[in-house]
Amino acid sequence: MKRVRMKPKKSSVFAGILNFFFWGVGYMYLEKRIEEAFYLIVSYFLVFIFSLWYITAAGLLLFAGIYWIIFWSLWISIYIGYDAYRLGKVKK
């Protein structure tokens, strides 16, 4: 009888944490949604660059930059972290 070597089980919690802090990396860890992971990594870089630009500006743009980082970026991080967690729970 031939033995089938199984892949180690990937943790969905770890994938969710990875995706929360580093957009798209959790998907790459799970080896699912690789194309979306690439776009998330690029968009994470763009959000970081624009956030730095807003923070270096004075006045109302400073408030907008802080709002951008804290609220918008946080909500997206929570959503894609939860999405990677759910995706890791799916059994095939």
PDB file of N, CA and C in Angstrom:
ATOM      1  N   MET A   1       0.836  -1.172   0.000  1.00  0.00           N
ATOM      2  CA  MET A   1       0.000   0.000   0.000  1.00  0.00           C
ATOM      3  C   MET A   1       0.892   1.250   0.000  1.00  0.00           C
ATOM      4  N   LYS A   2       0.571   2.174  -0.850  1.00  0.00           N
ATOM      5  CA  LYS A   2       1.350   3.401  -0.984  1.00  0.00           C
ATOM      6  C   LYS A   2       0.917   4.418   0.076  1.00  0.00           C
ATOM      7  N   ARG A   3       1.898   4.975   0.749  1.00  0.00           N
ATOM      8  CA  ARG A   3       1.601   5.986   1.764  1.00  0.00           C
ATOM      9  C   ARG A   3       1.497   7.351   1.101  1.00  0.00           C
ATOM     10  N   VAL A   4       0.466   8.041   1.439  1.00  0.00           N
ATOM     11  CA  VAL A   4       0.259   9.388   0.917  1.00  0.00           C
ATOM     12  C   VAL A   4       0.759  10.375   1.962  1.00  0.00           C
ATOM     13  N   ARG A   5       1.652  11.218   1.538  1.00  0.00           N
ATOM     14  CA  ARG A   5       2.204  12.213   2.453  1.00  0.00           C
ATOM     15  C   ARG A   5       1.266  13.417   2.500  1.00  0.00           C
ATOM     16  N   MET A   6       0.803  13.744   3.682  1.00  0.00           N
ATOM     17  CA  MET A   6      -0.124  14.858   3.836  1.00  0.00           C
ATOM     18  C   MET A   6       0.646  16.132   4.166  1.00  0.00           C
ATOM     19  N   LYS A   7       0.123  17.235   3.667  1.00  0.00           N
ATOM     20  CA  LYS A   7       0.701  18.529   4.008  1.00  0.00           C
ATOM     21  C   LYS A   7       0.350  18.862   5.455  1.00  0.00           C
ATOM     22  N   PRO A   8       1.233  19.572   6.131  1.00  0.00           N
ATOM     23  CA  PRO A   8       0.885  19.980   7.497  1.00  0.00           C
ATOM     24  C   PRO A   8      -0.307  20.938   7.469  1.00  0.00           C
ATOM     25  N   LYS A   9      -1.151  20.820   8.470  1.00  0.00           N
ATOM     26  CA  LYS A   9      -2.331  21.672   8.530  1.00  0.00           C
ATOM     27  C   LYS A   9      -1.912  23.105   8.846  1.00  0.00           C
ATOM     28  N   LYS A  10      -2.464  24.019   8.101  1.00  0.00           N
ATOM     29  CA  LYS A  10      -2.136  25.433   8.304  1.00  0.00           C
ATOM     30  C   LYS A  10      -3.149  26.049   9.261  1.00  0.00           C
ATOM     31  N   SER A  11      -2.657  26.840  10.173  1.00  0.00           N
ATOM     32  CA  SER A  11      -3.499  27.461  11.194  1.00  0.00           C
ATOM     33  C   SER A  11      -4.276  28.632  10.609  1.00  0.00           C
ATOM     34  N   SER A  12      -5.598  28.583  10.749  1.00  0.00           N
ATOM     35  CA  SER A  12      -6.420  29.680  10.246  1.00  0.00           C
ATOM     36  C   SER A  12      -6.275  30.923  11.119  1.00  0.00           C
ATOM     37  N   VAL A  13      -6.022  30.734  12.409  1.00  0.00           N
ATOM     38  CA  VAL A  13      -5.825  31.882  13.306  1.00  0.00           C
ATOM     39  C   VAL A  13      -4.541  32.620  12.929  1.00  0.00           C
ATOM     40  N   PHE A  14      -3.476  31.871  12.672  1.00  0.00           N
ATOM     41  CA  PHE A  14      -2.215  32.486  12.270  1.00  0.00           C
ATOM     42  C   PHE A  14      -2.365  33.219  10.937  1.00  0.00           C
ATOM     43  N   ALA A  15      -3.125  32.630  10.004  1.00  0.00           N
ATOM     44  CA  ALA A  15      -3.365  33.281   8.710  1.00  0.00           C
ATOM     45  C   ALA A  15      -4.142  34.580   8.895  1.00  0.00           C
ATOM     46  N   GLY A  16      -5.121  34.574   9.800  1.00  0.00           N
ATOM     47  CA  GLY A  16      -5.883  35.790  10.078  1.00  0.00           C
ATOM     48  C   GLY A  16      -5.021  36.884  10.683  1.00  0.00           C
ATOM     49  N   ILE A  17      -4.129  36.505  11.596  1.00  0.00           N
ATOM     50  CA  ILE A  17      -3.223  37.482  12.213  1.00  0.00           C
ATOM     51  C   ILE A  17      -2.250  38.035  11.178  1.00  0.00           C
ATOM     52  N   LEU A  18      -1.713  37.155  10.338  1.00  0.00           N
ATOM     53  CA  LEU A  18      -0.814  37.616   9.271  1.00  0.00           C
ATOM     54  C   LEU A  18      -1.517  38.596   8.345  1.00  0.00           C
ATOM     55  N   ASN A  19      -2.751  38.253   7.955  1.00  0.00           N
ATOM     56  CA  ASN A  19      -3.486  39.119   7.036  1.00  0.00           C
ATOM     57  C   ASN A  19      -3.877  40.439   7.695  1.00  0.00           C
ATOM     58  N   PHE A  20      -4.094  40.434   9.010  1.00  0.00           N
ATOM     59  CA  PHE A  20      -4.432  41.670   9.710  1.00  0.00           C
ATOM     60  C   PHE A  20      -3.264  42.651   9.678  1.00  0.00           C
ATOM     61  N   PHE A  21      -2.067  42.160   9.990  1.00  0.00           N
ATOM     62  CA  PHE A  21      -0.909  43.046  10.058  1.00  0.00           C
ATOM     63  C   PHE A  21      -0.259  43.298   8.700  1.00  0.00           C
ATOM     64  N   PHE A  22      -0.238  42.304   7.851  1.00  0.00           N
ATOM     65  CA  PHE A  22       0.394  42.429   6.532  1.00  0.00           C
ATOM     66  C   PHE A  22      -0.596  41.932   5.491  1.00  0.00           C
ATOM     67  N   TRP A  23      -1.298  42.882   4.875  1.00  0.00           N
ATOM     68  CA  TRP A  23      -2.370  42.529   3.945  1.00  0.00           C
ATOM     69  C   TRP A  23      -1.870  41.566   2.879  1.00  0.00           C
ATOM     70  N   GLY A  24      -2.584  40.477   2.678  1.00  0.00           N
ATOM     71  CA  GLY A  24      -2.285  39.530   1.614  1.00  0.00           C
ATOM     72  C   GLY A  24      -1.354  38.400   2.007  1.00  0.00           C
ATOM     73  N   VAL A  25      -0.564  38.575   3.045  1.00  0.00           N
ATOM     74  CA  VAL A  25       0.408  37.547   3.425  1.00  0.00           C
ATOM     75  C   VAL A  25      -0.302  36.317   4.002  1.00  0.00           C
ATOM     76  N   GLY A  26      -1.426  36.524   4.668  1.00  0.00           N
ATOM     77  CA  GLY A  26      -2.199  35.395   5.189  1.00  0.00           C
ATOM     78  C   GLY A  26      -2.736  34.510   4.079  1.00  0.00           C
ATOM     79  N   TYR A  27      -3.157  35.133   2.976  1.00  0.00           N
ATOM     80  CA  TYR A  27      -3.621  34.353   1.821  1.00  0.00           C
ATOM     81  C   TYR A  27      -2.472  33.542   1.227  1.00  0.00           C
ATOM     82  N   MET A  28      -1.298  34.136   1.168  1.00  0.00           N
ATOM     83  CA  MET A  28      -0.146  33.412   0.629  1.00  0.00           C
ATOM     84  C   MET A  28       0.240  32.263   1.559  1.00  0.00           C
ATOM     85  N   TYR A  29       0.113  32.472   2.857  1.00  0.00           N
ATOM     86  CA  TYR A  29       0.398  31.407   3.820  1.00  0.00           C
ATOM     87  C   TYR A  29      -0.554  30.225   3.615  1.00  0.00           C
ATOM     88  N   LEU A  30      -1.823  30.525   3.357  1.00  0.00           N
ATOM     89  CA  LEU A  30      -2.809  29.467   3.128  1.00  0.00           C
ATOM     90  C   LEU A  30      -2.723  28.878   1.722  1.00  0.00           C
ATOM     91  N   GLU A  31      -1.936  29.524   0.858  1.00  0.00           N
ATOM     92  CA  GLU A  31      -1.803  29.131  -0.548  1.00  0.00           C
ATOM     93  C   GLU A  31      -3.145  29.202  -1.269  1.00  0.00           C
ATOM     94  N   LYS A  32      -3.915  30.239  -0.966  1.00  0.00           N
ATOM     95  CA  LYS A  32      -5.207  30.488  -1.598  1.00  0.00           C
ATOM     96  C   LYS A  32      -5.279  31.961  -1.954  1.00  0.00           C
ATOM     97  N   ARG A  33      -6.017  32.265  -2.991  1.00  0.00           N
ATOM     98  CA  ARG A  33      -6.222  33.650  -3.441  1.00  0.00           C
ATOM     99  C   ARG A  33      -4.899  34.382  -3.649  1.00  0.00           C
ATOM    100  N   ILE A  34      -4.000  33.771  -4.373  1.00  0.00           N
ATOM    101  CA  ILE A  34      -2.670  34.352  -4.572  1.00  0.00           C
ATOM    102  C   ILE A  34      -2.747  35.655  -5.365  1.00  0.00           C
ATOM    103  N   GLU A  35      -3.612  35.710  -6.384  1.00  0.00           N
ATOM    104  CA  GLU A  35      -3.715  36.937  -7.181  1.00  0.00           C
ATOM    105  C   GLU A  35      -4.240  38.092  -6.333  1.00  0.00           C
ATOM    106  N   GLU A  36      -5.248  37.828  -5.510  1.00  0.00           N
ATOM    107  CA  GLU A  36      -5.770  38.873  -4.629  1.00  0.00           C
ATOM    108  C   GLU A  36      -4.717  39.305  -3.611  1.00  0.00           C
ATOM    109  N   ALA A  37      -3.906  38.354  -3.175  1.00  0.00           N
ATOM    110  CA  ALA A  37      -2.847  38.676  -2.213  1.00  0.00           C
ATOM    111  C   ALA A  37      -1.859  39.672  -2.804  1.00  0.00           C
ATOM    112  N   PHE A  38      -1.523  39.491  -4.076  1.00  0.00           N
ATOM    113  CA  PHE A  38      -0.605  40.424  -4.729  1.00  0.00           C
ATOM    114  C   PHE A  38      -1.188  41.834  -4.740  1.00  0.00           C
ATOM    115  N   TYR A  39      -2.463  41.966  -5.100  1.00  0.00           N
ATOM    116  CA  TYR A  39      -3.093  43.287  -5.142  1.00  0.00           C
ATOM    117  C   TYR A  39      -3.211  43.895  -3.746  1.00  0.00           C
ATOM    118  N   LEU A  40      -3.447  43.073  -2.735  1.00  0.00           N
ATOM    119  CA  LEU A  40      -3.511  43.594  -1.369  1.00  0.00           C
ATOM    120  C   LEU A  40      -2.156  44.096  -0.894  1.00  0.00           C
ATOM    121  N   ILE A  41      -1.100  43.390  -1.262  1.00  0.00           N
ATOM    122  CA  ILE A  41       0.244  43.826  -0.871  1.00  0.00           C
ATOM    123  C   ILE A  41       0.582  45.159  -1.529  1.00  0.00           C
ATOM    124  N   VAL A  42       0.238  45.311  -2.803  1.00  0.00           N
ATOM    125  CA  VAL A  42       0.476  46.579  -3.508  1.00  0.00           C
ATOM    126  C   VAL A  42      -0.362  47.691  -2.879  1.00  0.00           C
ATOM    127  N   SER A  43      -1.636  47.421  -2.584  1.00  0.00           N
ATOM    128  CA  SER A  43      -2.484  48.459  -2.000  1.00  0.00           C
ATOM    129  C   SER A  43      -2.027  48.822  -0.584  1.00  0.00           C
ATOM    130  N   TYR A  44      -1.506  47.849   0.170  1.00  0.00           N
ATOM    131  CA  TYR A  44      -0.974  48.132   1.504  1.00  0.00           C
ATOM    132  C   TYR A  44       0.201  49.106   1.400  1.00  0.00           C
ATOM    133  N   PHE A  45       1.062  48.880   0.419  1.00  0.00           N
ATOM    134  CA  PHE A  45       2.195  49.773   0.199  1.00  0.00           C
ATOM    135  C   PHE A  45       1.706  51.182  -0.155  1.00  0.00           C
ATOM    136  N   LEU A  46       0.693  51.277  -1.024  1.00  0.00           N
ATOM    137  CA  LEU A  46       0.165  52.587  -1.414  1.00  0.00           C
ATOM    138  C   LEU A  46      -0.497  53.299  -0.234  1.00  0.00           C
ATOM    139  N   VAL A  47      -1.249  52.571   0.577  1.00  0.00           N
ATOM    140  CA  VAL A  47      -1.868  53.168   1.764  1.00  0.00           C
ATOM    141  C   VAL A  47      -0.790  53.701   2.700  1.00  0.00           C
ATOM    142  N   PHE A  48       0.280  52.951   2.869  1.00  0.00           N
ATOM    143  CA  PHE A  48       1.381  53.381   3.724  1.00  0.00           C
ATOM    144  C   PHE A  48       2.018  54.667   3.192  1.00  0.00           C
ATOM    145  N   ILE A  49       2.285  54.726   1.888  1.00  0.00           N
ATOM    146  CA  ILE A  49       2.900  55.917   1.284  1.00  0.00           C
ATOM    147  C   ILE A  49       1.987  57.133   1.423  1.00  0.00           C
ATOM    148  N   PHE A  50       0.688  56.971   1.079  1.00  0.00           N
ATOM    149  CA  PHE A  50      -0.238  58.102   1.174  1.00  0.00           C
ATOM    150  C   PHE A  50      -0.445  58.537   2.624  1.00  0.00           C
ATOM    151  N   SER A  51      -0.435  57.600   3.543  1.00  0.00           N
ATOM    152  CA  SER A  51      -0.587  57.955   4.953  1.00  0.00           C
ATOM    153  C   SER A  51       0.598  58.781   5.436  1.00  0.00           C
ATOM    154  N   LEU A  52       1.795  58.400   5.028  1.00  0.00           N
ATOM    155  CA  LEU A  52       2.970  59.200   5.391  1.00  0.00           C
ATOM    156  C   LEU A  52       2.896  60.595   4.785  1.00  0.00           C
ATOM    157  N   TRP A  53       2.406  60.686   3.556  1.00  0.00           N
ATOM    158  CA  TRP A  53       2.298  61.988   2.907  1.00  0.00           C
ATOM    159  C   TRP A  53       1.300  62.866   3.653  1.00  0.00           C
ATOM    160  N   TYR A  54       0.155  62.298   4.045  1.00  0.00           N
ATOM    161  CA  TYR A  54      -0.844  63.077   4.775  1.00  0.00           C
ATOM    162  C   TYR A  54      -0.308  63.544   6.125  1.00  0.00           C
ATOM    163  N   ILE A  55       0.429  62.689   6.807  1.00  0.00           N
ATOM    164  CA  ILE A  55       0.934  63.052   8.130  1.00  0.00           C
ATOM    165  C   ILE A  55       1.991  64.145   8.044  1.00  0.00           C
ATOM    166  N   THR A  56       2.796  64.146   6.985  1.00  0.00           N
ATOM    167  CA  THR A  56       3.825  65.176   6.866  1.00  0.00           C
ATOM    168  C   THR A  56       3.241  66.528   6.479  1.00  0.00           C
ATOM    169  N   ALA A  57       2.041  66.551   5.934  1.00  0.00           N
ATOM    170  CA  ALA A  57       1.401  67.822   5.585  1.00  0.00           C
ATOM    171  C   ALA A  57       0.850  68.464   6.861  1.00  0.00           C
ATOM    172  N   ALA A  58       0.607  69.756   6.778  1.00  0.00           N
ATOM    173  CA  ALA A  58       0.140  70.478   7.963  1.00  0.00           C
ATOM    174  C   ALA A  58      -1.370  70.715   7.896  1.00  0.00           C
ATOM    175  N   GLY A  59      -1.924  71.077   9.025  1.00  0.00           N
ATOM    176  CA  GLY A  59      -3.319  71.491   9.079  1.00  0.00           C
ATOM    177  C   GLY A  59      -4.313  70.348   8.990  1.00  0.00           C
ATOM    178  N   LEU A  60      -5.335  70.562   8.151  1.00  0.00           N
ATOM    179  CA  LEU A  60      -6.413  69.586   8.039  1.00  0.00           C
ATOM    180  C   LEU A  60      -5.942  68.264   7.450  1.00  0.00           C
ATOM    181  N   LEU A  61      -4.905  68.309   6.625  1.00  0.00           N
ATOM    182  CA  LEU A  61      -4.407  67.063   6.050  1.00  0.00           C
ATOM    183  C   LEU A  61      -3.819  66.152   7.121  1.00  0.00           C
ATOM    184  N   LEU A  62      -3.289  66.737   8.192  1.00  0.00           N
ATOM    185  CA  LEU A  62      -2.779  65.923   9.293  1.00  0.00           C
ATOM    186  C   LEU A  62      -3.916  65.125   9.926  1.00  0.00           C
ATOM    187  N   PHE A  63      -5.044  65.788  10.175  1.00  0.00           N
ATOM    188  CA  PHE A  63      -6.211  65.094  10.722  1.00  0.00           C
ATOM    189  C   PHE A  63      -6.702  64.022   9.754  1.00  0.00           C
ATOM    190  N   ALA A  64      -6.723  64.342   8.463  1.00  0.00           N
ATOM    191  CA  ALA A  64      -7.160  63.366   7.459  1.00  0.00           C
ATOM    192  C   ALA A  64      -6.225  62.164   7.424  1.00  0.00           C
ATOM    193  N   GLY A  65      -4.930  62.404   7.561  1.00  0.00           N
ATOM    194  CA  GLY A  65      -3.968  61.304   7.564  1.00  0.00           C
ATOM    195  C   GLY A  65      -4.139  60.389   8.759  1.00  0.00           C
ATOM    196  N   ILE A  66      -4.359  60.984   9.911  1.00  0.00           N
ATOM    197  CA  ILE A  66      -4.575  60.174  11.111  1.00  0.00           C
ATOM    198  C   ILE A  66      -5.878  59.388  10.988  1.00  0.00           C
ATOM    199  N   TYR A  67      -6.924  60.045  10.496  1.00  0.00           N
ATOM    200  CA  TYR A  67      -8.201  59.361  10.278  1.00  0.00           C
ATOM    201  C   TYR A  67      -8.028  58.218   9.286  1.00  0.00           C
ATOM    202  N   TRP A  68      -7.293  58.474   8.203  1.00  0.00           N
ATOM    203  CA  TRP A  68      -7.045  57.469   7.169  1.00  0.00           C
ATOM    204  C   TRP A  68      -6.369  56.239   7.766  1.00  0.00           C
ATOM    205  N   ILE A  69      -5.329  56.457   8.544  1.00  0.00           N
ATOM    206  CA  ILE A  69      -4.573  55.335   9.109  1.00  0.00           C
ATOM    207  C   ILE A  69      -5.407  54.569  10.133  1.00  0.00           C
ATOM    208  N   ILE A  70      -5.980  55.281  11.066  1.00  0.00           N
ATOM    209  CA  ILE A  70      -6.648  54.610  12.181  1.00  0.00           C
ATOM    210  C   ILE A  70      -7.938  53.923  11.752  1.00  0.00           C
ATOM    211  N   PHE A  71      -8.814  54.635  11.089  1.00  0.00           N
ATOM    212  CA  PHE A  71     -10.135  54.078  10.821  1.00  0.00           C
ATOM    213  C   PHE A  71     -10.195  53.255   9.540  1.00  0.00           C
ATOM    214  N   TRP A  72      -9.834  53.848   8.428  1.00  0.00           N
ATOM    215  CA  TRP A  72      -9.960  53.152   7.139  1.00  0.00           C
ATOM    216  C   TRP A  72      -9.056  51.933   7.070  1.00  0.00           C
ATOM    217  N   SER A  73      -7.809  52.127   7.404  1.00  0.00           N
ATOM    218  CA  SER A  73      -6.851  51.023   7.345  1.00  0.00           C
ATOM    219  C   SER A  73      -7.195  49.938   8.366  1.00  0.00           C
ATOM    220  N   LEU A  74      -7.653  50.330   9.543  1.00  0.00           N
ATOM    221  CA  LEU A  74      -8.006  49.361  10.574  1.00  0.00           C
ATOM    222  C   LEU A  74      -9.194  48.502  10.159  1.00  0.00           C
ATOM    223  N   TRP A  75     -10.222  49.134   9.584  1.00  0.00           N
ATOM    224  CA  TRP A  75     -11.397  48.358   9.171  1.00  0.00           C
ATOM    225  C   TRP A  75     -11.055  47.374   8.061  1.00  0.00           C
ATOM    226  N   ILE A  76     -10.226  47.790   7.136  1.00  0.00           N
ATOM    227  CA  ILE A  76      -9.814  46.865   6.076  1.00  0.00           C
ATOM    228  C   ILE A  76      -8.981  45.734   6.666  1.00  0.00           C
ATOM    229  N   SER A  77      -8.098  46.048   7.594  1.00  0.00           N
ATOM    230  CA  SER A  77      -7.279  45.017   8.234  1.00  0.00           C
ATOM    231  C   SER A  77      -8.139  44.003   8.975  1.00  0.00           C
ATOM    232  N   ILE A  78      -9.147  44.484   9.682  1.00  0.00           N
ATOM    233  CA  ILE A  78     -10.038  43.573  10.402  1.00  0.00           C
ATOM    234  C   ILE A  78     -10.779  42.676   9.424  1.00  0.00           C
ATOM    235  N   TYR A  79     -11.295  43.259   8.350  1.00  0.00           N
ATOM    236  CA  TYR A  79     -12.061  42.461   7.389  1.00  0.00           C
ATOM    237  C   TYR A  79     -11.201  41.398   6.714  1.00  0.00           C
ATOM    238  N   ILE A  80     -10.042  41.774   6.207  1.00  0.00           N
ATOM    239  CA  ILE A  80      -9.250  40.767   5.485  1.00  0.00           C
ATOM    240  C   ILE A  80      -8.611  39.766   6.441  1.00  0.00           C
ATOM    241  N   GLY A  81      -8.376  40.167   7.694  1.00  0.00           N
ATOM    242  CA  GLY A  81      -7.915  39.199   8.687  1.00  0.00           C
ATOM    243  C   GLY A  81      -8.978  38.157   8.976  1.00  0.00           C
ATOM    244  N   TYR A  82     -10.225  38.613   9.129  1.00  0.00           N
ATOM    245  CA  TYR A  82     -11.336  37.690   9.356  1.00  0.00           C
ATOM    246  C   TYR A  82     -11.582  36.820   8.129  1.00  0.00           C
ATOM    247  N   ASP A  83     -11.429  37.395   6.948  1.00  0.00           N
ATOM    248  CA  ASP A  83     -11.618  36.636   5.713  1.00  0.00           C
ATOM    249  C   ASP A  83     -10.593  35.510   5.600  1.00  0.00           C
ATOM    250  N   ALA A  84      -9.345  35.783   5.938  1.00  0.00           N
ATOM    251  CA  ALA A  84      -8.316  34.735   5.901  1.00  0.00           C
ATOM    252  C   ALA A  84      -8.601  33.669   6.955  1.00  0.00           C
ATOM    253  N   TYR A  85      -9.101  34.088   8.110  1.00  0.00           N
ATOM    254  CA  TYR A  85      -9.469  33.124   9.152  1.00  0.00           C
ATOM    255  C   TYR A  85     -10.576  32.195   8.655  1.00  0.00           C
ATOM    256  N   ARG A  86     -11.616  32.791   8.050  1.00  0.00           N
ATOM    257  CA  ARG A  86     -12.718  31.989   7.503  1.00  0.00           C
ATOM    258  C   ARG A  86     -12.247  31.071   6.397  1.00  0.00           C
ATOM    259  N   LEU A  87     -11.386  31.589   5.532  1.00  0.00           N
ATOM    260  CA  LEU A  87     -10.866  30.802   4.413  1.00  0.00           C
ATOM    261  C   LEU A  87     -10.045  29.620   4.911  1.00  0.00           C
ATOM    262  N   GLY A  88      -9.331  29.807   5.999  1.00  0.00           N
ATOM    263  CA  GLY A  88      -8.548  28.714   6.573  1.00  0.00           C
ATOM    264  C   GLY A  88      -9.406  27.640   7.215  1.00  0.00           C
ATOM    265  N   LYS A  89     -10.611  27.990   7.622  1.00  0.00           N
ATOM    266  CA  LYS A  89     -11.522  27.028   8.240  1.00  0.00           C
ATOM    267  C   LYS A  89     -12.237  26.146   7.218  1.00  0.00           C
ATOM    268  N   VAL A  90     -12.253  26.548   5.945  1.00  0.00           N
ATOM    269  CA  VAL A  90     -12.958  25.784   4.908  1.00  0.00           C
ATOM    270  C   VAL A  90     -12.231  24.472   4.666  1.00  0.00           C
ATOM    271  N   LYS A  91     -12.971  23.409   4.703  1.00  0.00           N
ATOM    272  CA  LYS A  91     -12.393  22.082   4.461  1.00  0.00           C
ATOM    273  C   LYS A  91     -12.654  21.697   3.014  1.00  0.00           C
ATOM    274  N   LYS A  92     -11.640  21.113   2.383  1.00  0.00           N
ATOM    275  CA  LYS A  92     -11.823  20.668   0.994  1.00  0.00           C
ATOM    276  C   LYS A  92     -11.824  19.172   0.941  1.00  0.00           C
TER     277      LYS A  92
END
